[in-house]
Amino acid sequence: SPDTFCPMGPCIVTKDELDITESWLRTRVNGELRQEAPISAMIFDIPTLVSTLSSVMTLEPGDVIATGTPLGVGIGFDPPRYLTPGDIVEVEIDGIGIIRNPVV
């Protein structure tokens, strides 16, 4: 990703700290809910992603795997609703917290 395009937080947890099969992901733009889906609804579950990636590359403790997002991205609206400078994007995962970032 380009610089500033991959924020992490508010914290990173290990697999023993969170039951991801029960967690939901939500994204809000300026307070408007744009995405809401259970992590269990991902096309590929976490064990499959780790297995597939580790078959072609070495994964080390602390590595982060970016998985993509559920439905609700800006291009999916009619007309498309892209992020603009000044927007505030919040991403929340149950059991982890919320990260808020301004679009600049």
PDB file of N, CA and C in Angstrom:
ATOM      1  N   SER A   1       0.835  -1.195   0.000  1.00  0.00           N
ATOM      2  CA  SER A   1       0.000   0.000   0.000  1.00  0.00           C
ATOM      3  C   SER A   1       0.872   1.247   0.000  1.00  0.00           C
ATOM      4  N   PRO A   2       0.372   2.331  -0.577  1.00  0.00           N
ATOM      5  CA  PRO A   2       1.107   3.588  -0.495  1.00  0.00           C
ATOM      6  C   PRO A   2       1.238   4.039   0.956  1.00  0.00           C
ATOM      7  N   ASP A   3       2.192   4.934   1.219  1.00  0.00           N
ATOM      8  CA  ASP A   3       2.358   5.487   2.561  1.00  0.00           C
ATOM      9  C   ASP A   3       1.011   5.996   3.073  1.00  0.00           C
ATOM     10  N   THR A   4       0.738   5.788   4.319  1.00  0.00           N
ATOM     11  CA  THR A   4      -0.463   6.209   5.058  1.00  0.00           C
ATOM     12  C   THR A   4      -1.715   5.404   4.723  1.00  0.00           C
ATOM     13  N   PHE A   5      -1.621   4.359   3.899  1.00  0.00           N
ATOM     14  CA  PHE A   5      -2.807   3.633   3.462  1.00  0.00           C
ATOM     15  C   PHE A   5      -3.072   2.345   4.229  1.00  0.00           C
ATOM     16  N   CYS A   6      -2.342   2.059   5.276  1.00  0.00           N
ATOM     17  CA  CYS A   6      -2.549   0.793   5.980  1.00  0.00           C
ATOM     18  C   CYS A   6      -2.459   0.987   7.494  1.00  0.00           C
ATOM     19  N   PRO A   7      -3.392   1.783   8.049  1.00  0.00           N
ATOM     20  CA  PRO A   7      -3.336   1.986   9.496  1.00  0.00           C
ATOM     21  C   PRO A   7      -3.629   0.692  10.247  1.00  0.00           C
ATOM     22  N   MET A   8      -2.995   0.517  11.383  1.00  0.00           N
ATOM     23  CA  MET A   8      -3.207  -0.654  12.240  1.00  0.00           C
ATOM     24  C   MET A   8      -3.629  -0.162  13.615  1.00  0.00           C
ATOM     25  N   GLY A   9      -4.511  -0.886  14.244  1.00  0.00           N
ATOM     26  CA  GLY A   9      -4.853  -0.523  15.603  1.00  0.00           C
ATOM     27  C   GLY A   9      -6.329  -0.707  15.863  1.00  0.00           C
ATOM     28  N   PRO A  10      -6.827  -0.345  16.989  1.00  0.00           N
ATOM     29  CA  PRO A  10      -6.121   0.313  18.082  1.00  0.00           C
ATOM     30  C   PRO A  10      -5.148  -0.605  18.797  1.00  0.00           C
ATOM     31  N   CYS A  11      -5.260  -1.902  18.536  1.00  0.00           N
ATOM     32  CA  CYS A  11      -4.291  -2.849  19.078  1.00  0.00           C
ATOM     33  C   CYS A  11      -4.299  -4.083  18.184  1.00  0.00           C
ATOM     34  N   ILE A  12      -3.293  -4.883  18.317  1.00  0.00           N
ATOM     35  CA  ILE A  12      -3.223  -6.144  17.581  1.00  0.00           C
ATOM     36  C   ILE A  12      -3.281  -7.249  18.616  1.00  0.00           C
ATOM     37  N   VAL A  13      -4.116  -8.243  18.370  1.00  0.00           N
ATOM     38  CA  VAL A  13      -4.289  -9.327  19.340  1.00  0.00           C
ATOM     39  C   VAL A  13      -3.818 -10.647  18.741  1.00  0.00           C
ATOM     40  N   THR A  14      -3.494 -11.564  19.618  1.00  0.00           N
ATOM     41  CA  THR A  14      -3.125 -12.908  19.181  1.00  0.00           C
ATOM     42  C   THR A  14      -4.368 -13.788  19.162  1.00  0.00           C
ATOM     43  N   LYS A  15      -4.264 -14.926  18.488  1.00  0.00           N
ATOM     44  CA  LYS A  15      -5.447 -15.773  18.296  1.00  0.00           C
ATOM     45  C   LYS A  15      -6.050 -16.276  19.598  1.00  0.00           C
ATOM     46  N   ASP A  16      -5.259 -16.351  20.656  1.00  0.00           N
ATOM     47  CA  ASP A  16      -5.798 -16.824  21.932  1.00  0.00           C
ATOM     48  C   ASP A  16      -6.515 -15.723  22.714  1.00  0.00           C
ATOM     49  N   GLU A  17      -6.449 -14.481  22.238  1.00  0.00           N
ATOM     50  CA  GLU A  17      -7.073 -13.360  22.936  1.00  0.00           C
ATOM     51  C   GLU A  17      -8.463 -13.010  22.415  1.00  0.00           C
ATOM     52  N   LEU A  18      -8.874 -13.595  21.289  1.00  0.00           N
ATOM     53  CA  LEU A  18     -10.119 -13.189  20.655  1.00  0.00           C
ATOM     54  C   LEU A  18     -10.708 -14.355  19.880  1.00  0.00           C
ATOM     55  N   ASP A  19     -11.991 -14.598  20.044  1.00  0.00           N
ATOM     56  CA  ASP A  19     -12.690 -15.608  19.254  1.00  0.00           C
ATOM     57  C   ASP A  19     -13.245 -14.928  18.007  1.00  0.00           C
ATOM     58  N   ILE A  20     -12.510 -15.009  16.907  1.00  0.00           N
ATOM     59  CA  ILE A  20     -12.921 -14.296  15.697  1.00  0.00           C
ATOM     60  C   ILE A  20     -14.173 -14.874  15.065  1.00  0.00           C
ATOM     61  N   THR A  21     -14.540 -16.092  15.426  1.00  0.00           N
ATOM     62  CA  THR A  21     -15.760 -16.665  14.849  1.00  0.00           C
ATOM     63  C   THR A  21     -17.004 -15.958  15.371  1.00  0.00           C
ATOM     64  N   GLU A  22     -16.875 -15.211  16.465  1.00  0.00           N
ATOM     65  CA  GLU A  22     -18.010 -14.491  17.048  1.00  0.00           C
ATOM     66  C   GLU A  22     -17.919 -12.978  16.830  1.00  0.00           C
ATOM     67  N   SER A  23     -16.863 -12.499  16.191  1.00  0.00           N
ATOM     68  CA  SER A  23     -16.634 -11.058  16.054  1.00  0.00           C
ATOM     69  C   SER A  23     -17.229 -10.505  14.766  1.00  0.00           C
ATOM     70  N   TRP A  24     -17.634  -9.256  14.837  1.00  0.00           N
ATOM     71  CA  TRP A  24     -18.153  -8.531  13.674  1.00  0.00           C
ATOM     72  C   TRP A  24     -17.218  -7.372  13.348  1.00  0.00           C
ATOM     73  N   LEU A  25     -17.202  -6.998  12.067  1.00  0.00           N
ATOM     74  CA  LEU A  25     -16.454  -5.838  11.588  1.00  0.00           C
ATOM     75  C   LEU A  25     -17.460  -4.788  11.140  1.00  0.00           C
ATOM     76  N   ARG A  26     -17.232  -3.547  11.531  1.00  0.00           N
ATOM     77  CA  ARG A  26     -18.077  -2.436  11.106  1.00  0.00           C
ATOM     78  C   ARG A  26     -17.189  -1.293  10.621  1.00  0.00           C
ATOM     79  N   THR A  27     -17.629  -0.639   9.560  1.00  0.00           N
ATOM     80  CA  THR A  27     -16.932   0.549   9.073  1.00  0.00           C
ATOM     81  C   THR A  27     -17.941   1.681   8.973  1.00  0.00           C
ATOM     82  N   ARG A  28     -17.551   2.837   9.489  1.00  0.00           N
ATOM     83  CA  ARG A  28     -18.384   4.032   9.395  1.00  0.00           C
ATOM     84  C   ARG A  28     -17.579   5.134   8.709  1.00  0.00           C
ATOM     85  N   VAL A  29     -18.268   5.916   7.906  1.00  0.00           N
ATOM     86  CA  VAL A  29     -17.675   7.103   7.296  1.00  0.00           C
ATOM     87  C   VAL A  29     -18.505   8.285   7.773  1.00  0.00           C
ATOM     88  N   ASN A  30     -17.860   9.190   8.488  1.00  0.00           N
ATOM     89  CA  ASN A  30     -18.547  10.348   9.066  1.00  0.00           C
ATOM     90  C   ASN A  30     -19.763   9.919   9.883  1.00  0.00           C
ATOM     91  N   GLY A  31     -19.633   8.810  10.606  1.00  0.00           N
ATOM     92  CA  GLY A  31     -20.705   8.317  11.464  1.00  0.00           C
ATOM     93  C   GLY A  31     -21.727   7.439  10.772  1.00  0.00           C
ATOM     94  N   GLU A  32     -21.715   7.385   9.440  1.00  0.00           N
ATOM     95  CA  GLU A  32     -22.672   6.564   8.688  1.00  0.00           C
ATOM     96  C   GLU A  32     -22.136   5.140   8.553  1.00  0.00           C
ATOM     97  N   LEU A  33     -22.920   4.164   8.985  1.00  0.00           N
ATOM     98  CA  LEU A  33     -22.521   2.769   8.863  1.00  0.00           C
ATOM     99  C   LEU A  33     -22.470   2.384   7.391  1.00  0.00           C
ATOM    100  N   ARG A  34     -21.299   1.960   6.916  1.00  0.00           N
ATOM    101  CA  ARG A  34     -21.132   1.558   5.518  1.00  0.00           C
ATOM    102  C   ARG A  34     -20.933   0.055   5.374  1.00  0.00           C
ATOM    103  N   GLN A  35     -20.338  -0.567   6.378  1.00  0.00           N
ATOM    104  CA  GLN A  35     -20.076  -2.003   6.325  1.00  0.00           C
ATOM    105  C   GLN A  35     -20.392  -2.612   7.681  1.00  0.00           C
ATOM    106  N   GLU A  36     -20.995  -3.798   7.660  1.00  0.00           N
ATOM    107  CA  GLU A  36     -21.230  -4.541   8.890  1.00  0.00           C
ATOM    108  C   GLU A  36     -21.373  -6.002   8.506  1.00  0.00           C
ATOM    109  N   ALA A  37     -20.460  -6.820   8.998  1.00  0.00           N
ATOM    110  CA  ALA A  37     -20.492  -8.243   8.654  1.00  0.00           C
ATOM    111  C   ALA A  37     -19.722  -9.042   9.690  1.00  0.00           C
ATOM    112  N   PRO A  38     -20.148 -10.276   9.913  1.00  0.00           N
ATOM    113  CA  PRO A  38     -19.372 -11.136  10.808  1.00  0.00           C
ATOM    114  C   PRO A  38     -18.075 -11.558  10.128  1.00  0.00           C
ATOM    115  N   ILE A  39     -17.015 -11.639  10.897  1.00  0.00           N
ATOM    116  CA  ILE A  39     -15.744 -12.093  10.335  1.00  0.00           C
ATOM    117  C   ILE A  39     -15.893 -13.506   9.785  1.00  0.00           C
ATOM    118  N   SER A  40     -16.797 -14.273  10.366  1.00  0.00           N
ATOM    119  CA  SER A  40     -17.024 -15.646   9.896  1.00  0.00           C
ATOM    120  C   SER A  40     -17.610 -15.694   8.489  1.00  0.00           C
ATOM    121  N   ALA A  41     -18.079 -14.563   7.949  1.00  0.00           N
ATOM    122  CA  ALA A  41     -18.651 -14.529   6.604  1.00  0.00           C
ATOM    123  C   ALA A  41     -17.606 -14.289   5.519  1.00  0.00           C
ATOM    124  N   MET A  42     -16.344 -14.199   5.897  1.00  0.00           N
ATOM    125  CA  MET A  42     -15.298 -14.006   4.891  1.00  0.00           C
ATOM    126  C   MET A  42     -15.311 -15.174   3.906  1.00  0.00           C
ATOM    127  N   ILE A  43     -14.926 -14.924   2.670  1.00  0.00           N
ATOM    128  CA  ILE A  43     -14.900 -15.981   1.656  1.00  0.00           C
ATOM    129  C   ILE A  43     -13.988 -17.110   2.098  1.00  0.00           C
ATOM    130  N   PHE A  44     -12.809 -16.775   2.603  1.00  0.00           N
ATOM    131  CA  PHE A  44     -11.866 -17.769   3.120  1.00  0.00           C
ATOM    132  C   PHE A  44     -11.684 -17.514   4.608  1.00  0.00           C
ATOM    133  N   ASP A  45     -11.799 -18.562   5.425  1.00  0.00           N
ATOM    134  CA  ASP A  45     -11.594 -18.379   6.857  1.00  0.00           C
ATOM    135  C   ASP A  45     -10.106 -18.174   7.150  1.00  0.00           C
ATOM    136  N   ILE A  46      -9.815 -17.717   8.364  1.00  0.00           N
ATOM    137  CA  ILE A  46      -8.439 -17.383   8.738  1.00  0.00           C
ATOM    138  C   ILE A  46      -7.496 -18.582   8.598  1.00  0.00           C
ATOM    139  N   PRO A  47      -7.864 -19.782   9.083  1.00  0.00           N
ATOM    140  CA  PRO A  47      -6.947 -20.922   8.911  1.00  0.00           C
ATOM    141  C   PRO A  47      -6.614 -21.202   7.438  1.00  0.00           C
ATOM    142  N   THR A  48      -7.589 -21.048   6.547  1.00  0.00           N
ATOM    143  CA  THR A  48      -7.333 -21.265   5.117  1.00  0.00           C
ATOM    144  C   THR A  48      -6.386 -20.206   4.575  1.00  0.00           C
ATOM    145  N   LEU A  49      -6.583 -18.949   4.975  1.00  0.00           N
ATOM    146  CA  LEU A  49      -5.682 -17.884   4.525  1.00  0.00           C
ATOM    147  C   LEU A  49      -4.254 -18.141   4.985  1.00  0.00           C
ATOM    148  N   VAL A  50      -4.096 -18.505   6.254  1.00  0.00           N
ATOM    149  CA  VAL A  50      -2.754 -18.770   6.786  1.00  0.00           C
ATOM    150  C   VAL A  50      -2.133 -19.962   6.075  1.00  0.00           C
ATOM    151  N   SER A  51      -2.887 -21.019   5.871  1.00  0.00           N
ATOM    152  CA  SER A  51      -2.373 -22.210   5.198  1.00  0.00           C
ATOM    153  C   SER A  51      -1.947 -21.902   3.766  1.00  0.00           C
ATOM    154  N   THR A  52      -2.798 -21.182   3.047  1.00  0.00           N
ATOM    155  CA  THR A  52      -2.496 -20.853   1.650  1.00  0.00           C
ATOM    156  C   THR A  52      -1.257 -19.967   1.555  1.00  0.00           C
ATOM    157  N   LEU A  53      -1.206 -18.926   2.375  1.00  0.00           N
ATOM    158  CA  LEU A  53      -0.045 -18.036   2.340  1.00  0.00           C
ATOM    159  C   LEU A  53       1.231 -18.750   2.751  1.00  0.00           C
ATOM    160  N   SER A  54       1.148 -19.570   3.784  1.00  0.00           N
ATOM    161  CA  SER A  54       2.364 -20.233   4.266  1.00  0.00           C
ATOM    162  C   SER A  54       2.863 -21.302   3.302  1.00  0.00           C
ATOM    163  N   SER A  55       2.048 -21.672   2.330  1.00  0.00           N
ATOM    164  CA  SER A  55       2.515 -22.632   1.325  1.00  0.00           C
ATOM    165  C   SER A  55       3.415 -21.970   0.283  1.00  0.00           C
ATOM    166  N   VAL A  56       3.380 -20.634   0.213  1.00  0.00           N
ATOM    167  CA  VAL A  56       4.193 -19.929  -0.784  1.00  0.00           C
ATOM    168  C   VAL A  56       5.149 -18.903  -0.179  1.00  0.00           C
ATOM    169  N   MET A  57       5.041 -18.671   1.129  1.00  0.00           N
ATOM    170  CA  MET A  57       5.926 -17.707   1.778  1.00  0.00           C
ATOM    171  C   MET A  57       6.072 -18.070   3.248  1.00  0.00           C
ATOM    172  N   THR A  58       7.137 -17.595   3.849  1.00  0.00           N
ATOM    173  CA  THR A  58       7.367 -17.844   5.265  1.00  0.00           C
ATOM    174  C   THR A  58       6.627 -16.797   6.084  1.00  0.00           C
ATOM    175  N   LEU A  59       5.767 -17.254   6.970  1.00  0.00           N
ATOM    176  CA  LEU A  59       5.089 -16.348   7.893  1.00  0.00           C
ATOM    177  C   LEU A  59       5.812 -16.391   9.230  1.00  0.00           C
ATOM    178  N   GLU A  60       6.087 -15.227   9.766  1.00  0.00           N
ATOM    179  CA  GLU A  60       6.806 -15.099  11.032  1.00  0.00           C
ATOM    180  C   GLU A  60       5.879 -14.524  12.095  1.00  0.00           C
ATOM    181  N   PRO A  61       6.165 -14.786  13.375  1.00  0.00           N
ATOM    182  CA  PRO A  61       5.376 -14.159  14.435  1.00  0.00           C
ATOM    183  C   PRO A  61       5.352 -12.644  14.249  1.00  0.00           C
ATOM    184  N   GLY A  62       4.175 -12.066  14.355  1.00  0.00           N
ATOM    185  CA  GLY A  62       4.026 -10.626  14.183  1.00  0.00           C
ATOM    186  C   GLY A  62       3.621 -10.216  12.783  1.00  0.00           C
ATOM    187  N   ASP A  63       3.692 -11.130  11.807  1.00  0.00           N
ATOM    188  CA  ASP A  63       3.234 -10.799  10.461  1.00  0.00           C
ATOM    189  C   ASP A  63       1.746 -10.465  10.491  1.00  0.00           C
ATOM    190  N   VAL A  64       1.332  -9.550   9.638  1.00  0.00           N
ATOM    191  CA  VAL A  64      -0.068  -9.146   9.527  1.00  0.00           C
ATOM    192  C   VAL A  64      -0.555  -9.532   8.138  1.00  0.00           C
ATOM    193  N   ILE A  65      -1.726 -10.141   8.072  1.00  0.00           N
ATOM    194  CA  ILE A  65      -2.324 -10.530   6.794  1.00  0.00           C
ATOM    195  C   ILE A  65      -3.514  -9.612   6.538  1.00  0.00           C
ATOM    196  N   ALA A  66      -3.462  -8.837   5.469  1.00  0.00           N
ATOM    197  CA  ALA A  66      -4.585  -7.983   5.088  1.00  0.00           C
ATOM    198  C   ALA A  66      -5.584  -8.836   4.314  1.00  0.00           C
ATOM    199  N   THR A  67      -6.838  -8.841   4.763  1.00  0.00           N
ATOM    200  CA  THR A  67      -7.828  -9.758   4.200  1.00  0.00           C
ATOM    201  C   THR A  67      -8.840  -9.110   3.273  1.00  0.00           C
ATOM    202  N   GLY A  68      -8.861  -7.804   3.188  1.00  0.00           N
ATOM    203  CA  GLY A  68      -9.906  -7.153   2.410  1.00  0.00           C
ATOM    204  C   GLY A  68     -11.080  -6.796   3.309  1.00  0.00           C
ATOM    205  N   THR A  69     -12.186  -6.377   2.707  1.00  0.00           N
ATOM    206  CA  THR A  69     -13.335  -5.905   3.471  1.00  0.00           C
ATOM    207  C   THR A  69     -14.625  -6.514   2.945  1.00  0.00           C
ATOM    208  N   PRO A  70     -15.702  -6.444   3.741  1.00  0.00           N
ATOM    209  CA  PRO A  70     -16.999  -6.925   3.263  1.00  0.00           C
ATOM    210  C   PRO A  70     -17.649  -5.923   2.309  1.00  0.00           C
ATOM    211  N   LEU A  71     -18.850  -6.256   1.855  1.00  0.00           N
ATOM    212  CA  LEU A  71     -19.604  -5.351   0.988  1.00  0.00           C
ATOM    213  C   LEU A  71     -19.759  -3.988   1.636  1.00  0.00           C
ATOM    214  N   GLY A  72     -19.854  -2.954   0.809  1.00  0.00           N
ATOM    215  CA  GLY A  72     -20.082  -1.611   1.320  1.00  0.00           C
ATOM    216  C   GLY A  72     -19.024  -0.610   0.917  1.00  0.00           C
ATOM    217  N   VAL A  73     -18.097  -1.004   0.040  1.00  0.00           N
ATOM    218  CA  VAL A  73     -17.068  -0.065  -0.402  1.00  0.00           C
ATOM    219  C   VAL A  73     -17.691   0.985  -1.317  1.00  0.00           C
ATOM    220  N   GLY A  74     -17.042   2.131  -1.405  1.00  0.00           N
ATOM    221  CA  GLY A  74     -17.586   3.282  -2.112  1.00  0.00           C
ATOM    222  C   GLY A  74     -17.969   3.033  -3.550  1.00  0.00           C
ATOM    223  N   ILE A  75     -17.200   2.222  -4.258  1.00  0.00           N
ATOM    224  CA  ILE A  75     -17.492   1.980  -5.670  1.00  0.00           C
ATOM    225  C   ILE A  75     -18.783   1.186  -5.853  1.00  0.00           C
ATOM    226  N   GLY A  76     -19.247   0.520  -4.799  1.00  0.00           N
ATOM    227  CA  GLY A  76     -20.462  -0.287  -4.891  1.00  0.00           C
ATOM    228  C   GLY A  76     -21.750   0.513  -4.816  1.00  0.00           C
ATOM    229  N   PHE A  77     -21.661   1.806  -4.507  1.00  0.00           N
ATOM    230  CA  PHE A  77     -22.849   2.651  -4.441  1.00  0.00           C
ATOM    231  C   PHE A  77     -23.181   3.184  -5.831  1.00  0.00           C
ATOM    232  N   ASP A  78     -24.423   3.586  -6.043  1.00  0.00           N
ATOM    233  CA  ASP A  78     -24.845   4.165  -7.317  1.00  0.00           C
ATOM    234  C   ASP A  78     -25.469   5.527  -7.035  1.00  0.00           C
ATOM    235  N   PRO A  79     -24.751   6.617  -7.293  1.00  0.00           N
ATOM    236  CA  PRO A  79     -23.397   6.673  -7.844  1.00  0.00           C
ATOM    237  C   PRO A  79     -22.355   6.318  -6.776  1.00  0.00           C
ATOM    238  N   PRO A  80     -21.121   6.036  -7.220  1.00  0.00           N
ATOM    239  CA  PRO A  80     -20.056   5.696  -6.263  1.00  0.00           C
ATOM    240  C   PRO A  80     -19.860   6.810  -5.231  1.00  0.00           C
ATOM    241  N   ARG A  81     -19.502   6.420  -4.016  1.00  0.00           N
ATOM    242  CA  ARG A  81     -19.291   7.374  -2.916  1.00  0.00           C
ATOM    243  C   ARG A  81     -17.871   7.185  -2.394  1.00  0.00           C
ATOM    244  N   TYR A  82     -16.936   7.853  -3.015  1.00  0.00           N
ATOM    245  CA  TYR A  82     -15.532   7.730  -2.633  1.00  0.00           C
ATOM    246  C   TYR A  82     -15.222   8.599  -1.420  1.00  0.00           C
ATOM    247  N   LEU A  83     -14.167   8.237  -0.710  1.00  0.00           N
ATOM    248  CA  LEU A  83     -13.697   9.047   0.404  1.00  0.00           C
ATOM    249  C   LEU A  83     -13.123  10.351  -0.121  1.00  0.00           C
ATOM    250  N   THR A  84     -13.317  11.423   0.649  1.00  0.00           N
ATOM    251  CA  THR A  84     -12.784  12.727   0.266  1.00  0.00           C
ATOM    252  C   THR A  84     -12.064  13.343   1.461  1.00  0.00           C
ATOM    253  N   PRO A  85     -11.138  14.280   1.210  1.00  0.00           N
ATOM    254  CA  PRO A  85     -10.436  14.918   2.320  1.00  0.00           C
ATOM    255  C   PRO A  85     -11.423  15.473   3.347  1.00  0.00           C
ATOM    256  N   GLY A  86     -11.110  15.222   4.606  1.00  0.00           N
ATOM    257  CA  GLY A  86     -11.967  15.657   5.703  1.00  0.00           C
ATOM    258  C   GLY A  86     -12.868  14.559   6.242  1.00  0.00           C
ATOM    259  N   ASP A  87     -13.102  13.509   5.450  1.00  0.00           N
ATOM    260  CA  ASP A  87     -13.896  12.382   5.943  1.00  0.00           C
ATOM    261  C   ASP A  87     -13.185  11.725   7.121  1.00  0.00           C
ATOM    262  N   ILE A  88     -13.963  11.175   8.040  1.00  0.00           N
ATOM    263  CA  ILE A  88     -13.433  10.401   9.160  1.00  0.00           C
ATOM    264  C   ILE A  88     -13.891   8.958   8.978  1.00  0.00           C
ATOM    265  N   VAL A  89     -12.937   8.050   8.899  1.00  0.00           N
ATOM    266  CA  VAL A  89     -13.233   6.626   8.729  1.00  0.00           C
ATOM    267  C   VAL A  89     -12.975   5.919  10.053  1.00  0.00           C
ATOM    268  N   GLU A  90     -13.976   5.168  10.508  1.00  0.00           N
ATOM    269  CA  GLU A  90     -13.852   4.376  11.731  1.00  0.00           C
ATOM    270  C   GLU A  90     -14.024   2.910  11.366  1.00  0.00           C
ATOM    271  N   VAL A  91     -13.108   2.087  11.837  1.00  0.00           N
ATOM    272  CA  VAL A  91     -13.222   0.641  11.657  1.00  0.00           C
ATOM    273  C   VAL A  91     -13.253   0.019  13.041  1.00  0.00           C
ATOM    274  N   GLU A  92     -14.250  -0.825  13.256  1.00  0.00           N
ATOM    275  CA  GLU A  92     -14.449  -1.459  14.561  1.00  0.00           C
ATOM    276  C   GLU A  92     -14.499  -2.970  14.397  1.00  0.00           C
ATOM    277  N   ILE A  93     -13.815  -3.678  15.271  1.00  0.00           N
ATOM    278  CA  ILE A  93     -13.927  -5.131  15.356  1.00  0.00           C
ATOM    279  C   ILE A  93     -14.262  -5.463  16.799  1.00  0.00           C
ATOM    280  N   ASP A  94     -15.366  -6.209  16.976  1.00  0.00           N
ATOM    281  CA  ASP A  94     -15.770  -6.605  18.324  1.00  0.00           C
ATOM    282  C   ASP A  94     -14.593  -7.231  19.063  1.00  0.00           C
ATOM    283  N   GLY A  95     -14.398  -6.827  20.297  1.00  0.00           N
ATOM    284  CA  GLY A  95     -13.347  -7.397  21.126  1.00  0.00           C
ATOM    285  C   GLY A  95     -11.990  -6.748  20.951  1.00  0.00           C
ATOM    286  N   ILE A  96     -11.850  -5.903  19.935  1.00  0.00           N
ATOM    287  CA  ILE A  96     -10.575  -5.204  19.724  1.00  0.00           C
ATOM    288  C   ILE A  96     -10.743  -3.717  19.985  1.00  0.00           C
ATOM    289  N   GLY A  97     -11.703  -3.087  19.323  1.00  0.00           N
ATOM    290  CA  GLY A  97     -11.934  -1.665  19.517  1.00  0.00           C
ATOM    291  C   GLY A  97     -12.165  -0.965  18.203  1.00  0.00           C
ATOM    292  N   ILE A  98     -11.995   0.345  18.226  1.00  0.00           N
ATOM    293  CA  ILE A  98     -12.251   1.202  17.068  1.00  0.00           C
ATOM    294  C   ILE A  98     -10.993   1.998  16.753  1.00  0.00           C
ATOM    295  N   ILE A  99     -10.674   2.081  15.467  1.00  0.00           N
ATOM    296  CA  ILE A  99      -9.609   2.975  15.016  1.00  0.00           C
ATOM    297  C   ILE A  99     -10.267   4.045  14.141  1.00  0.00           C
ATOM    298  N   ARG A 100      -9.909   5.311  14.378  1.00  0.00           N
ATOM    299  CA  ARG A 100     -10.463   6.439  13.626  1.00  0.00           C
ATOM    300  C   ARG A 100      -9.326   7.142  12.901  1.00  0.00           C
ATOM    301  N   ASN A 101      -9.560   7.412  11.630  1.00  0.00           N
ATOM    302  CA  ASN A 101      -8.545   8.108  10.845  1.00  0.00           C
ATOM    303  C   ASN A 101      -9.197   9.137   9.943  1.00  0.00           C
ATOM    304  N   PRO A 102      -8.593  10.330   9.851  1.00  0.00           N
ATOM    305  CA  PRO A 102      -9.084  11.318   8.896  1.00  0.00           C
ATOM    306  C   PRO A 102      -8.521  11.027   7.510  1.00  0.00           C
ATOM    307  N   VAL A 103      -9.296  11.379   6.510  1.00  0.00           N
ATOM    308  CA  VAL A 103      -8.809  11.313   5.129  1.00  0.00           C
ATOM    309  C   VAL A 103      -8.209  12.677   4.820  1.00  0.00           C
ATOM    310  N   VAL A 104      -6.963  12.686   4.353  1.00  0.00           N
ATOM    311  CA  VAL A 104      -6.293  13.958   4.058  1.00  0.00           C
ATOM    312  C   VAL A 104      -5.943  14.060   2.594  1.00  0.00           C
TER     313      VAL A 104
END
